[in-house]
Amino acid sequence: VESGGGLVQAEDSLRLSCAASGRTLST
């Protein structure tokens, strides 16, 4: 599940996250 998107202006910053469930991400 991704999150963190949105509407920003040029030169701005955003951080997207991707949360995993069901299995350990290290796989």
PDB file of all heavy atoms in Angstrom:
ATOM      1  N   VAL A   1       0.849  -1.185   0.000  1.00  0.00           N
ATOM      2  CA  VAL A   1       0.000   0.000   0.000  1.00  0.00           C
ATOM      3  C   VAL A   1       0.885   1.236   0.000  1.00  0.00           C
ATOM      4  O   VAL A   1       1.654   1.461   0.948  1.00  0.00           O
ATOM      5  CB  VAL A   1      -0.941   0.025   1.214  1.00  0.00           C
ATOM      6  CG1 VAL A   1      -1.769   1.311   1.203  1.00  0.00           C
ATOM      7  CG2 VAL A   1      -1.839  -1.199   1.218  1.00  0.00           C
ATOM      8  N   GLU A   2       0.758   2.038  -1.062  1.00  0.00           N
ATOM      9  CA  GLU A   2       1.524   3.275  -1.153  1.00  0.00           C
ATOM     10  C   GLU A   2       0.765   4.428  -0.507  1.00  0.00           C
ATOM     11  O   GLU A   2      -0.465   4.427  -0.478  1.00  0.00           O
ATOM     12  CB  GLU A   2       1.795   3.653  -2.614  1.00  0.00           C
ATOM     13  CG  GLU A   2       2.533   2.621  -3.434  1.00  0.00           C
ATOM     14  CD  GLU A   2       1.601   1.713  -4.214  1.00  0.00           C
ATOM     15  OE1 GLU A   2       0.425   1.587  -3.792  1.00  0.00           O
ATOM     16  OE2 GLU A   2       2.020   1.141  -5.221  1.00  0.00           O
ATOM     17  N   SER A   3       1.506   5.402  -0.032  1.00  0.00           N
ATOM     18  CA  SER A   3       0.907   6.619   0.516  1.00  0.00           C
ATOM     19  C   SER A   3       1.914   7.752   0.365  1.00  0.00           C
ATOM     20  O   SER A   3       3.089   7.525   0.089  1.00  0.00           O
ATOM     21  CB  SER A   3       0.523   6.426   1.982  1.00  0.00           C
ATOM     22  OG  SER A   3       1.665   6.145   2.765  1.00  0.00           O
ATOM     23  N   GLY A   4       1.416   8.977   0.568  1.00  0.00           N
ATOM     24  CA  GLY A   4       2.308  10.133   0.562  1.00  0.00           C
ATOM     25  C   GLY A   4       2.241  10.985  -0.685  1.00  0.00           C
ATOM     26  O   GLY A   4       2.900  12.030  -0.748  1.00  0.00           O
ATOM     27  N   GLY A   5       1.469  10.564  -1.670  1.00  0.00           N
ATOM     28  CA  GLY A   5       1.351  11.368  -2.873  1.00  0.00           C
ATOM     29  C   GLY A   5       0.538  12.624  -2.619  1.00  0.00           C
ATOM     30  O   GLY A   5      -0.050  12.811  -1.554  1.00  0.00           O
ATOM     31  N   GLY A   6       0.519  13.500  -3.627  1.00  0.00           N
ATOM     32  CA  GLY A   6      -0.254  14.724  -3.492  1.00  0.00           C
ATOM     33  C   GLY A   6       0.089  15.721  -4.571  1.00  0.00           C
ATOM     34  O   GLY A   6       0.799  15.413  -5.535  1.00  0.00           O
ATOM     35  N   LEU A   7      -0.410  16.926  -4.381  1.00  0.00           N
ATOM     36  CA  LEU A   7      -0.175  18.037  -5.306  1.00  0.00           C
ATOM     37  C   LEU A   7       0.849  18.975  -4.691  1.00  0.00           C
ATOM     38  O   LEU A   7       0.640  19.474  -3.571  1.00  0.00           O
ATOM     39  CB  LEU A   7      -1.490  18.773  -5.576  1.00  0.00           C
ATOM     40  CG  LEU A   7      -1.392  20.069  -6.380  1.00  0.00           C
ATOM     41  CD1 LEU A   7      -0.855  19.810  -7.777  1.00  0.00           C
ATOM     42  CD2 LEU A   7      -2.751  20.749  -6.437  1.00  0.00           C
ATOM     43  N   VAL A   8       1.945  19.194  -5.401  1.00  0.00           N
ATOM     44  CA  VAL A   8       2.994  20.080  -4.911  1.00  0.00           C
ATOM     45  C   VAL A   8       3.435  20.995  -6.039  1.00  0.00           C
ATOM     46  O   VAL A   8       3.079  20.797  -7.198  1.00  0.00           O
ATOM     47  CB  VAL A   8       4.205  19.301  -4.376  1.00  0.00           C
ATOM     48  CG1 VAL A   8       3.818  18.463  -3.162  1.00  0.00           C
ATOM     49  CG2 VAL A   8       4.817  18.435  -5.457  1.00  0.00           C
ATOM     50  N   GLN A   9       4.239  21.982  -5.678  1.00  0.00           N
ATOM     51  CA  GLN A   9       4.790  22.887  -6.673  1.00  0.00           C
ATOM     52  C   GLN A   9       6.199  22.435  -7.063  1.00  0.00           C
ATOM     53  O   GLN A   9       6.857  21.680  -6.333  1.00  0.00           O
ATOM     54  CB  GLN A   9       4.835  24.306  -6.131  1.00  0.00           C
ATOM     55  CG  GLN A   9       3.459  24.909  -5.890  1.00  0.00           C
ATOM     56  CD  GLN A   9       3.520  26.370  -5.493  1.00  0.00           C
ATOM     57  OE1 GLN A   9       4.499  26.823  -4.917  1.00  0.00           O
ATOM     58  NE2 GLN A   9       2.473  27.113  -5.819  1.00  0.00           N
ATOM     59  N   ALA A  10       6.643  22.902  -8.217  1.00  0.00           N
ATOM     60  CA  ALA A  10       7.998  22.586  -8.671  1.00  0.00           C
ATOM     61  C   ALA A  10       9.015  22.990  -7.606  1.00  0.00           C
ATOM     62  O   ALA A  10       8.849  24.008  -6.928  1.00  0.00           O
ATOM     63  CB  ALA A  10       8.283  23.298  -9.982  1.00  0.00           C
ATOM     64  N   GLU A  11      10.018  22.169  -7.451  1.00  0.00           N
ATOM     65  CA  GLU A  11      11.113  22.318  -6.478  1.00  0.00           C
ATOM     66  C   GLU A  11      10.729  21.871  -5.063  1.00  0.00           C
ATOM     67  O   GLU A  11      11.592  21.838  -4.183  1.00  0.00           O
ATOM     68  CB  GLU A  11      11.655  23.739  -6.437  1.00  0.00           C
ATOM     69  CG  GLU A  11      12.305  24.174  -7.729  1.00  0.00           C
ATOM     70  CD  GLU A  11      13.438  23.245  -8.163  1.00  0.00           C
ATOM     71  OE1 GLU A  11      14.272  22.861  -7.319  1.00  0.00           O
ATOM     72  OE2 GLU A  11      13.474  22.859  -9.359  1.00  0.00           O
ATOM     73  N   ASP A  12       9.481  21.494  -4.844  1.00  0.00           N
ATOM     74  CA  ASP A  12       9.071  20.953  -3.548  1.00  0.00           C
ATOM     75  C   ASP A  12       9.574  19.525  -3.390  1.00  0.00           C
ATOM     76  O   ASP A  12      10.108  18.921  -4.324  1.00  0.00           O
ATOM     77  CB  ASP A  12       7.549  20.990  -3.407  1.00  0.00           C
ATOM     78  CG  ASP A  12       7.030  22.365  -3.059  1.00  0.00           C
ATOM     79  OD1 ASP A  12       7.846  23.266  -2.775  1.00  0.00           O
ATOM     80  OD2 ASP A  12       5.794  22.556  -3.074  1.00  0.00           O
ATOM     81  N   SER A  13       9.344  18.992  -2.186  1.00  0.00           N
ATOM     82  CA  SER A  13       9.722  17.618  -1.882  1.00  0.00           C
ATOM     83  C   SER A  13       8.509  16.831  -1.410  1.00  0.00           C
ATOM     84  O   SER A  13       7.545  17.394  -0.874  1.00  0.00           O
ATOM     85  CB  SER A  13      10.801  17.586  -0.786  1.00  0.00           C
ATOM     86  OG  SER A  13      11.981  18.220  -1.210  1.00  0.00           O
ATOM     87  N   LEU A  14       8.571  15.526  -1.615  1.00  0.00           N
ATOM     88  CA  LEU A  14       7.573  14.590  -1.102  1.00  0.00           C
ATOM     89  C   LEU A  14       8.289  13.318  -0.692  1.00  0.00           C
ATOM     90  O   LEU A  14       9.318  12.965  -1.278  1.00  0.00           O
ATOM     91  CB  LEU A  14       6.536  14.236  -2.171  1.00  0.00           C
ATOM     92  CG  LEU A  14       5.322  15.108  -2.399  1.00  0.00           C
ATOM     93  CD1 LEU A  14       4.502  14.547  -3.553  1.00  0.00           C
ATOM     94  CD2 LEU A  14       4.476  15.226  -1.150  1.00  0.00           C
ATOM     95  N   ARG A  15       7.707  12.626   0.278  1.00  0.00           N
ATOM     96  CA  ARG A  15       8.222  11.295   0.615  1.00  0.00           C
ATOM     97  C   ARG A  15       7.083  10.299   0.491  1.00  0.00           C
ATOM     98  O   ARG A  15       6.064  10.409   1.183  1.00  0.00           O
ATOM     99  CB  ARG A  15       8.809  11.235   2.026  1.00  0.00           C
ATOM    100  CG  ARG A  15       9.498   9.895   2.280  1.00  0.00           C
ATOM    101  CD  ARG A  15      10.193   9.813   3.619  1.00  0.00           C
ATOM    102  NE  ARG A  15       9.270   9.505   4.707  1.00  0.00           N
ATOM    103  CZ  ARG A  15       9.629   8.932   5.845  1.00  0.00           C
ATOM    104  NH1 ARG A  15      10.910   8.595   6.039  1.00  0.00           N
ATOM    105  NH2 ARG A  15       8.741   8.711   6.792  1.00  0.00           N
ATOM    106  N   LEU A  16       7.264   9.364  -0.384  1.00  0.00           N
ATOM    107  CA  LEU A  16       6.305   8.282  -0.539  1.00  0.00           C
ATOM    108  C   LEU A  16       6.690   7.117   0.365  1.00  0.00           C
ATOM    109  O   LEU A  16       7.873   6.862   0.578  1.00  0.00           O
ATOM    110  CB  LEU A  16       6.264   7.797  -1.991  1.00  0.00           C
ATOM    111  CG  LEU A  16       5.969   8.851  -3.062  1.00  0.00           C
ATOM    112  CD1 LEU A  16       5.871   8.172  -4.425  1.00  0.00           C
ATOM    113  CD2 LEU A  16       4.721   9.630  -2.742  1.00  0.00           C
ATOM    114  N   SER A  17       5.671   6.421   0.845  1.00  0.00           N
ATOM    115  CA  SER A  17       5.877   5.222   1.652  1.00  0.00           C
ATOM    116  C   SER A  17       5.151   4.055   1.004  1.00  0.00           C
ATOM    117  O   SER A  17       4.111   4.238   0.372  1.00  0.00           O
ATOM    118  CB  SER A  17       5.351   5.416   3.073  1.00  0.00           C
ATOM    119  OG  SER A  17       6.032   6.462   3.732  1.00  0.00           O
ATOM    120  N   CYS A  18       5.700   2.889   1.189  1.00  0.00           N
ATOM    121  CA  CYS A  18       5.078   1.663   0.711  1.00  0.00           C
ATOM    122  C   CYS A  18       5.097   0.681   1.877  1.00  0.00           C
ATOM    123  O   CYS A  18       6.163   0.169   2.244  1.00  0.00           O
ATOM    124  CB  CYS A  18       5.838   1.111  -0.482  1.00  0.00           C
ATOM    125  SG  CYS A  18       5.283  -0.513  -1.051  1.00  0.00           S
ATOM    126  N   ALA A  19       3.934   0.440   2.437  1.00  0.00           N
ATOM    127  CA  ALA A  19       3.812  -0.457   3.581  1.00  0.00           C
ATOM    128  C   ALA A  19       3.452  -1.852   3.102  1.00  0.00           C
ATOM    129  O   ALA A  19       2.513  -2.022   2.308  1.00  0.00           O
ATOM    130  CB  ALA A  19       2.763   0.057   4.548  1.00  0.00           C
ATOM    131  N   ALA A  20       4.175  -2.834   3.592  1.00  0.00           N
ATOM    132  CA  ALA A  20       3.949  -4.217   3.202  1.00  0.00           C
ATOM    133  C   ALA A  20       3.301  -5.000   4.337  1.00  0.00           C
ATOM    134  O   ALA A  20       3.608  -4.774   5.509  1.00  0.00           O
ATOM    135  CB  ALA A  20       5.268  -4.866   2.811  1.00  0.00           C
ATOM    136  N   SER A  21       2.432  -5.919   3.963  1.00  0.00           N
ATOM    137  CA  SER A  21       1.816  -6.806   4.942  1.00  0.00           C
ATOM    138  C   SER A  21       1.692  -8.194   4.337  1.00  0.00           C
ATOM    139  O   SER A  21       1.737  -8.364   3.123  1.00  0.00           O
ATOM    140  CB  SER A  21       0.449  -6.290   5.373  1.00  0.00           C
ATOM    141  OG  SER A  21      -0.425  -6.227   4.260  1.00  0.00           O
ATOM    142  N   GLY A  22       1.553  -9.175   5.203  1.00  0.00           N
ATOM    143  CA  GLY A  22       1.367 -10.536   4.726  1.00  0.00           C
ATOM    144  C   GLY A  22       2.639 -11.361   4.743  1.00  0.00           C
ATOM    145  O   GLY A  22       2.590 -12.552   5.015  1.00  0.00           O
ATOM    146  N   ARG A  23       3.753 -10.763   4.421  1.00  0.00           N
ATOM    147  CA  ARG A  23       5.046 -11.438   4.454  1.00  0.00           C
ATOM    148  C   ARG A  23       6.094 -10.429   4.898  1.00  0.00           C
ATOM    149  O   ARG A  23       5.941  -9.226   4.715  1.00  0.00           O
ATOM    150  CB  ARG A  23       5.429 -11.977   3.067  1.00  0.00           C
ATOM    151  CG  ARG A  23       4.563 -13.111   2.550  1.00  0.00           C
ATOM    152  CD  ARG A  23       4.939 -14.440   3.174  1.00  0.00           C
ATOM    153  NE  ARG A  23       6.300 -14.842   2.902  1.00  0.00           N
ATOM    154  CZ  ARG A  23       6.685 -15.521   1.829  1.00  0.00           C
ATOM    155  NH1 ARG A  23       5.806 -15.851   0.910  1.00  0.00           N
ATOM    156  NH2 ARG A  23       7.941 -15.867   1.667  1.00  0.00           N
ATOM    157  N   THR A  24       7.180 -10.921   5.462  1.00  0.00           N
ATOM    158  CA  THR A  24       8.226 -10.010   5.886  1.00  0.00           C
ATOM    159  C   THR A  24       8.914  -9.389   4.672  1.00  0.00           C
ATOM    160  O   THR A  24       9.223 -10.080   3.695  1.00  0.00           O
ATOM    161  CB  THR A  24       9.249 -10.739   6.776  1.00  0.00           C
ATOM    162  OG1 THR A  24      10.285  -9.828   7.131  1.00  0.00           O
ATOM    163  CG2 THR A  24       9.853 -11.931   6.051  1.00  0.00           C
ATOM    164  N   LEU A  25       9.135  -8.102   4.739  1.00  0.00           N
ATOM    165  CA  LEU A  25       9.647  -7.361   3.591  1.00  0.00           C
ATOM    166  C   LEU A  25      11.063  -7.778   3.209  1.00  0.00           C
ATOM    167  O   LEU A  25      11.459  -7.655   2.051  1.00  0.00           O
ATOM    168  CB  LEU A  25       9.615  -5.862   3.893  1.00  0.00           C
ATOM    169  CG  LEU A  25       9.749  -4.942   2.693  1.00  0.00           C
ATOM    170  CD1 LEU A  25       8.582  -5.118   1.741  1.00  0.00           C
ATOM    171  CD2 LEU A  25       9.851  -3.496   3.158  1.00  0.00           C
ATOM    172  N   SER A  26      11.822  -8.294   4.159  1.00  0.00           N
ATOM    173  CA  SER A  26      13.209  -8.649   3.882  1.00  0.00           C
ATOM    174  C   SER A  26      13.344  -9.783   2.874  1.00  0.00           C
ATOM    175  O   SER A  26      14.433 -10.062   2.385  1.00  0.00           O
ATOM    176  CB  SER A  26      13.929  -9.027   5.176  1.00  0.00           C
ATOM    177  OG  SER A  26      13.284 -10.122   5.790  1.00  0.00           O
ATOM    178  N   THR A  27      12.241 -10.428   2.543  1.00  0.00           N
ATOM    179  CA  THR A  27      12.247 -11.490   1.544  1.00  0.00           C
ATOM    180  C   THR A  27      12.318 -10.931   0.122  1.00  0.00           C
ATOM    181  O   THR A  27      12.673 -11.650  -0.814  1.00  0.00           O
ATOM    182  CB  THR A  27      10.967 -12.335   1.681  1.00  0.00           C
ATOM    183  OG1 THR A  27      10.853 -12.805   3.016  1.00  0.00           O
ATOM    184  CG2 THR A  27      10.961 -13.518   0.727  1.00  0.00           C
TER     185      THR A  27
END
